[in-house]
Amino acid sequence: MAPRAVVEAFGGNADLLGYYRYKNPAPGVVECAPTAWTQGSNGLSSVYEGCMDFIRKVDEVYRLWLQPEYERQRAVVEAVPDDRRIYDTAFTTLYVLKNAPTAVHTDDFDAEGTFGCMASLGDFAGNALVWPKYRIGVDYRPGDVLLGDVHECHGNCRY
């Protein structure tokens, strides 16, 4: 996540959609619990439901372009109880960013041998997803789907 000073300077926020494996769950909370947006806290379940067509399209892109990695991820997700999956997809959790640059990081909770799916909505320009080790920065736009090894150091930035 971006340092507080960066978020304050550029704005933005982040949240989770789906089911999340919390590092230190509260007493009585199962290891993989629904996020506030998913369970409908503050009327936000409509956000989750409203995203399902888009989520399914991203799932389809992943399945078509990286089938071996998709199948590995799908096998991991199928071991998760039905009520902790994002319907009929290979996902359990979505990390949602809104104008929120991130520090370079790896995605620790993603299953080994799988790829991350980054997709965007909205009306914006001037954002890049970067993998510093490879000196690659992808200028992505609304509607793009990027498939990348999130076990490698990566981040996103505005320019």
C-alpha atoms as a PDB file:
ATOM      1  CA  MET A   1       0.000   0.000   0.000  1.00  0.00           C
ATOM      2  CA  ALA A   2       1.152   3.530  -0.629  1.00  0.00           C
ATOM      3  CA  PRO A   3       2.572   5.548   2.263  1.00  0.00           C
ATOM      4  CA  ARG A   4       0.020   7.876   3.890  1.00  0.00           C
ATOM      5  CA  ALA A   5       1.820  10.965   2.520  1.00  0.00           C
ATOM      6  CA  VAL A   6       1.403   9.668  -1.050  1.00  0.00           C
ATOM      7  CA  VAL A   7      -2.298   8.946  -0.563  1.00  0.00           C
ATOM      8  CA  GLU A   8      -2.815  12.381   1.013  1.00  0.00           C
ATOM      9  CA  ALA A   9      -0.968  14.070  -1.858  1.00  0.00           C
ATOM     10  CA  PHE A  10      -2.684  12.182  -4.690  1.00  0.00           C
ATOM     11  CA  GLY A  11      -5.919  11.014  -3.085  1.00  0.00           C
ATOM     12  CA  GLY A  12      -7.255   7.518  -3.401  1.00  0.00           C
ATOM     13  CA  ASN A  13      -8.367   4.570  -1.418  1.00  0.00           C
ATOM     14  CA  ALA A  14      -8.425   0.801  -1.531  1.00  0.00           C
ATOM     15  CA  ASP A  15     -10.724  -1.948  -0.365  1.00  0.00           C
ATOM     16  CA  LEU A  16     -11.426  -5.631  -0.822  1.00  0.00           C
ATOM     17  CA  LEU A  17     -14.246  -7.367  -2.639  1.00  0.00           C
ATOM     18  CA  GLY A  18     -15.028 -11.036  -2.154  1.00  0.00           C
ATOM     19  CA  TYR A  19     -13.579 -13.136   0.644  1.00  0.00           C
ATOM     20  CA  TYR A  20     -10.317 -12.362   2.346  1.00  0.00           C
ATOM     21  CA  ARG A  21      -7.888 -14.498   4.338  1.00  0.00           C
ATOM     22  CA  TYR A  22      -7.115 -12.076   7.140  1.00  0.00           C
ATOM     23  CA  LYS A  23      -3.652 -12.366   8.726  1.00  0.00           C
ATOM     24  CA  ASN A  24      -4.992 -11.745  12.231  1.00  0.00           C
ATOM     25  CA  PRO A  25      -8.720 -12.393  12.206  1.00  0.00           C
ATOM     26  CA  ALA A  26     -10.825 -11.017  15.025  1.00  0.00           C
ATOM     27  CA  PRO A  27     -12.041 -13.550  17.605  1.00  0.00           C
ATOM     28  CA  GLY A  28     -14.873 -15.599  16.158  1.00  0.00           C
ATOM     29  CA  VAL A  29     -14.069 -14.645  12.543  1.00  0.00           C
ATOM     30  CA  VAL A  30     -13.315 -17.543  10.231  1.00  0.00           C
ATOM     31  CA  GLU A  31      -9.970 -17.443   8.476  1.00  0.00           C
ATOM     32  CA  CYS A  32     -11.513 -16.503   5.130  1.00  0.00           C
ATOM     33  CA  ALA A  33     -14.322 -14.031   5.767  1.00  0.00           C
ATOM     34  CA  PRO A  34     -16.534 -11.915   3.500  1.00  0.00           C
ATOM     35  CA  THR A  35     -15.435  -8.314   3.116  1.00  0.00           C
ATOM     36  CA  ALA A  36     -17.731  -5.407   3.966  1.00  0.00           C
ATOM     37  CA  TRP A  37     -18.554  -4.821   0.302  1.00  0.00           C
ATOM     38  CA  THR A  38     -19.476  -8.462  -0.156  1.00  0.00           C
ATOM     39  CA  GLN A  39     -21.632  -9.003   2.889  1.00  0.00           C
ATOM     40  CA  GLY A  40     -23.542  -5.798   2.329  1.00  0.00           C
ATOM     41  CA  SER A  41     -22.320  -3.654   5.203  1.00  0.00           C
ATOM     42  CA  ASN A  42     -23.604  -0.121   4.646  1.00  0.00           C
ATOM     43  CA  GLY A  43     -25.593  -1.288   1.607  1.00  0.00           C
ATOM     44  CA  LEU A  44     -22.469  -2.100  -0.402  1.00  0.00           C
ATOM     45  CA  SER A  45     -23.460  -5.591  -1.598  1.00  0.00           C
ATOM     46  CA  SER A  46     -24.891  -3.915  -4.718  1.00  0.00           C
ATOM     47  CA  VAL A  47     -21.281  -3.020  -5.659  1.00  0.00           C
ATOM     48  CA  TYR A  48     -20.353  -6.705  -5.504  1.00  0.00           C
ATOM     49  CA  GLU A  49     -23.377  -7.814  -7.505  1.00  0.00           C
ATOM     50  CA  GLY A  50     -22.904  -5.002 -10.009  1.00  0.00           C
ATOM     51  CA  CYS A  51     -19.349  -6.115 -10.764  1.00  0.00           C
ATOM     52  CA  MET A  52     -20.112  -9.757 -11.467  1.00  0.00           C
ATOM     53  CA  ASP A  53     -20.381  -9.504 -15.280  1.00  0.00           C
ATOM     54  CA  PHE A  54     -17.043  -7.690 -15.369  1.00  0.00           C
ATOM     55  CA  ILE A  55     -15.435 -10.200 -12.970  1.00  0.00           C
ATOM     56  CA  ARG A  56     -16.623 -13.091 -15.137  1.00  0.00           C
ATOM     57  CA  LYS A  57     -15.129 -11.447 -18.245  1.00  0.00           C
ATOM     58  CA  VAL A  58     -11.764 -11.045 -16.483  1.00  0.00           C
ATOM     59  CA  ASP A  59     -11.986 -14.708 -15.433  1.00  0.00           C
ATOM     60  CA  GLU A  60     -12.621 -15.649 -19.066  1.00  0.00           C
ATOM     61  CA  VAL A  61      -9.577 -13.675 -20.295  1.00  0.00           C
ATOM     62  CA  TYR A  62      -7.389 -15.401 -17.697  1.00  0.00           C
ATOM     63  CA  ARG A  63      -8.733 -18.841 -18.670  1.00  0.00           C
ATOM     64  CA  LEU A  64      -8.218 -18.237 -22.406  1.00  0.00           C
ATOM     65  CA  TRP A  65      -4.727 -16.707 -22.309  1.00  0.00           C
ATOM     66  CA  LEU A  66      -2.989 -18.486 -19.419  1.00  0.00           C
ATOM     67  CA  GLN A  67      -4.775 -21.817 -19.180  1.00  0.00           C
ATOM     68  CA  PRO A  68      -2.149 -23.746 -17.123  1.00  0.00           C
ATOM     69  CA  GLU A  69      -1.906 -20.961 -14.532  1.00  0.00           C
ATOM     70  CA  TYR A  70      -5.681 -20.539 -14.542  1.00  0.00           C
ATOM     71  CA  GLU A  71      -6.197 -24.272 -13.922  1.00  0.00           C
ATOM     72  CA  ARG A  72      -3.748 -24.179 -10.979  1.00  0.00           C
ATOM     73  CA  GLN A  73      -5.600 -21.243  -9.480  1.00  0.00           C
ATOM     74  CA  ARG A  74      -8.992 -22.804 -10.132  1.00  0.00           C
ATOM     75  CA  ALA A  75      -7.862 -25.985  -8.301  1.00  0.00           C
ATOM     76  CA  VAL A  76      -6.866 -23.896  -5.263  1.00  0.00           C
ATOM     77  CA  VAL A  77     -10.160 -22.002  -5.318  1.00  0.00           C
ATOM     78  CA  GLU A  78     -12.196 -25.199  -5.674  1.00  0.00           C
ATOM     79  CA  ALA A  79     -10.690 -26.359  -2.350  1.00  0.00           C
ATOM     80  CA  VAL A  80     -12.272 -23.288  -0.721  1.00  0.00           C
ATOM     81  CA  PRO A  81     -15.858 -23.710   0.551  1.00  0.00           C
ATOM     82  CA  ASP A  82     -18.461 -22.645  -2.030  1.00  0.00           C
ATOM     83  CA  ASP A  83     -19.650 -19.755   0.115  1.00  0.00           C
ATOM     84  CA  ARG A  84     -16.127 -18.258   0.142  1.00  0.00           C
ATOM     85  CA  ARG A  85     -15.616 -18.100  -3.638  1.00  0.00           C
ATOM     86  CA  ILE A  86     -16.568 -15.414  -6.112  1.00  0.00           C
ATOM     87  CA  TYR A  87     -19.278 -17.475  -7.763  1.00  0.00           C
ATOM     88  CA  ASP A  88     -18.082 -19.585 -10.696  1.00  0.00           C
ATOM     89  CA  THR A  89     -14.695 -17.893 -11.145  1.00  0.00           C
ATOM     90  CA  ALA A  90     -11.097 -18.691 -10.205  1.00  0.00           C
ATOM     91  CA  PHE A  91     -11.161 -15.885  -7.633  1.00  0.00           C
ATOM     92  CA  THR A  92     -11.881 -15.473  -3.957  1.00  0.00           C
ATOM     93  CA  THR A  93     -10.742 -11.886  -3.451  1.00  0.00           C
ATOM     94  CA  LEU A  94     -10.421  -8.708  -5.490  1.00  0.00           C
ATOM     95  CA  TYR A  95      -8.282  -5.813  -4.376  1.00  0.00           C
ATOM     96  CA  VAL A  96      -9.960  -2.591  -5.471  1.00  0.00           C
ATOM     97  CA  LEU A  97      -7.937   0.597  -5.895  1.00  0.00           C
ATOM     98  CA  LYS A  98      -9.342   4.035  -6.618  1.00  0.00           C
ATOM     99  CA  ASN A  99      -6.658   6.594  -7.408  1.00  0.00           C
ATOM    100  CA  ALA A 100      -4.341   4.717  -5.062  1.00  0.00           C
ATOM    101  CA  PRO A 101      -0.728   4.229  -6.116  1.00  0.00           C
ATOM    102  CA  THR A 102       0.979   1.286  -4.465  1.00  0.00           C
ATOM    103  CA  ALA A 103       4.533   0.773  -3.332  1.00  0.00           C
ATOM    104  CA  VAL A 104       6.486  -1.977  -5.054  1.00  0.00           C
ATOM    105  CA  HIS A 105       5.399  -5.245  -3.468  1.00  0.00           C
ATOM    106  CA  THR A 106       4.587  -8.907  -4.061  1.00  0.00           C
ATOM    107  CA  ASP A 107       1.170 -10.432  -3.552  1.00  0.00           C
ATOM    108  CA  ASP A 108       1.828 -12.849  -0.709  1.00  0.00           C
ATOM    109  CA  PHE A 109      -1.617 -14.459  -0.567  1.00  0.00           C
ATOM    110  CA  ASP A 110      -1.776 -15.500  -4.230  1.00  0.00           C
ATOM    111  CA  ALA A 111      -1.224 -19.198  -4.910  1.00  0.00           C
ATOM    112  CA  GLU A 112       2.196 -20.166  -6.263  1.00  0.00           C
ATOM    113  CA  GLY A 113       2.312 -20.803  -9.989  1.00  0.00           C
ATOM    114  CA  THR A 114      -0.629 -18.497 -10.685  1.00  0.00           C
ATOM    115  CA  PHE A 115      -0.868 -15.040 -12.179  1.00  0.00           C
ATOM    116  CA  GLY A 116      -2.634 -11.910 -11.067  1.00  0.00           C
ATOM    117  CA  CYS A 117      -5.353 -10.328 -13.152  1.00  0.00           C
ATOM    118  CA  MET A 118      -5.370  -6.560 -13.154  1.00  0.00           C
ATOM    119  CA  ALA A 119      -8.328  -4.867 -14.780  1.00  0.00           C
ATOM    120  CA  SER A 120      -9.619  -1.351 -14.771  1.00  0.00           C
ATOM    121  CA  LEU A 121     -12.894   0.505 -14.946  1.00  0.00           C
ATOM    122  CA  GLY A 122     -13.710   4.176 -15.034  1.00  0.00           C
ATOM    123  CA  ASP A 123     -12.539   7.148 -17.025  1.00  0.00           C
ATOM    124  CA  PHE A 124      -8.870   7.892 -16.443  1.00  0.00           C
ATOM    125  CA  ALA A 125      -5.467   8.187 -18.046  1.00  0.00           C
ATOM    126  CA  GLY A 126      -1.893   8.344 -16.827  1.00  0.00           C
ATOM    127  CA  ASN A 127      -1.510   5.119 -14.864  1.00  0.00           C
ATOM    128  CA  ALA A 128       1.148   2.466 -15.187  1.00  0.00           C
ATOM    129  CA  LEU A 129       1.570  -0.986 -13.750  1.00  0.00           C
ATOM    130  CA  VAL A 130       5.309  -1.586 -13.327  1.00  0.00           C
ATOM    131  CA  TRP A 131       7.651  -4.522 -12.823  1.00  0.00           C
ATOM    132  CA  PRO A 132      10.977  -2.818 -11.894  1.00  0.00           C
ATOM    133  CA  LYS A 133      13.104  -5.967 -12.276  1.00  0.00           C
ATOM    134  CA  TYR A 134      12.173  -6.136 -15.948  1.00  0.00           C
ATOM    135  CA  ARG A 135      12.064  -2.359 -16.452  1.00  0.00           C
ATOM    136  CA  ILE A 136       8.514  -2.695 -17.761  1.00  0.00           C
ATOM    137  CA  GLY A 137       5.704  -0.243 -17.240  1.00  0.00           C
ATOM    138  CA  VAL A 138       2.316  -0.857 -18.837  1.00  0.00           C
ATOM    139  CA  ASP A 139       0.095   2.147 -19.488  1.00  0.00           C
ATOM    140  CA  TYR A 140      -3.276   0.545 -18.948  1.00  0.00           C
ATOM    141  CA  ARG A 141      -6.673   2.011 -19.766  1.00  0.00           C
ATOM    142  CA  PRO A 142     -10.261   1.375 -18.713  1.00  0.00           C
ATOM    143  CA  GLY A 143     -11.354  -2.022 -19.984  1.00  0.00           C
ATOM    144  CA  ASP A 144      -7.824  -3.448 -20.233  1.00  0.00           C
ATOM    145  CA  VAL A 145      -6.991  -6.739 -18.544  1.00  0.00           C
ATOM    146  CA  LEU A 146      -3.350  -7.345 -17.626  1.00  0.00           C
ATOM    147  CA  LEU A 147      -2.092 -10.764 -16.595  1.00  0.00           C
ATOM    148  CA  GLY A 148       1.129 -10.665 -14.623  1.00  0.00           C
ATOM    149  CA  ASP A 149       3.292 -12.600 -12.223  1.00  0.00           C
ATOM    150  CA  VAL A 150       2.357 -10.904  -8.960  1.00  0.00           C
ATOM    151  CA  HIS A 151       4.936 -13.005  -7.111  1.00  0.00           C
ATOM    152  CA  GLU A 152       7.512 -10.695  -8.720  1.00  0.00           C
ATOM    153  CA  CYS A 153       7.915  -7.182  -7.331  1.00  0.00           C
ATOM    154  CA  HIS A 154       5.394  -4.837  -8.959  1.00  0.00           C
ATOM    155  CA  GLY A 155       3.474  -1.672  -8.232  1.00  0.00           C
ATOM    156  CA  ASN A 156       1.359   0.978  -9.848  1.00  0.00           C
ATOM    157  CA  CYS A 157       1.844   4.679 -10.256  1.00  0.00           C
ATOM    158  CA  ARG A 158       0.238   7.746 -11.706  1.00  0.00           C
ATOM    159  CA  TYR A 159       2.169   9.945 -14.109  1.00  0.00           C
END
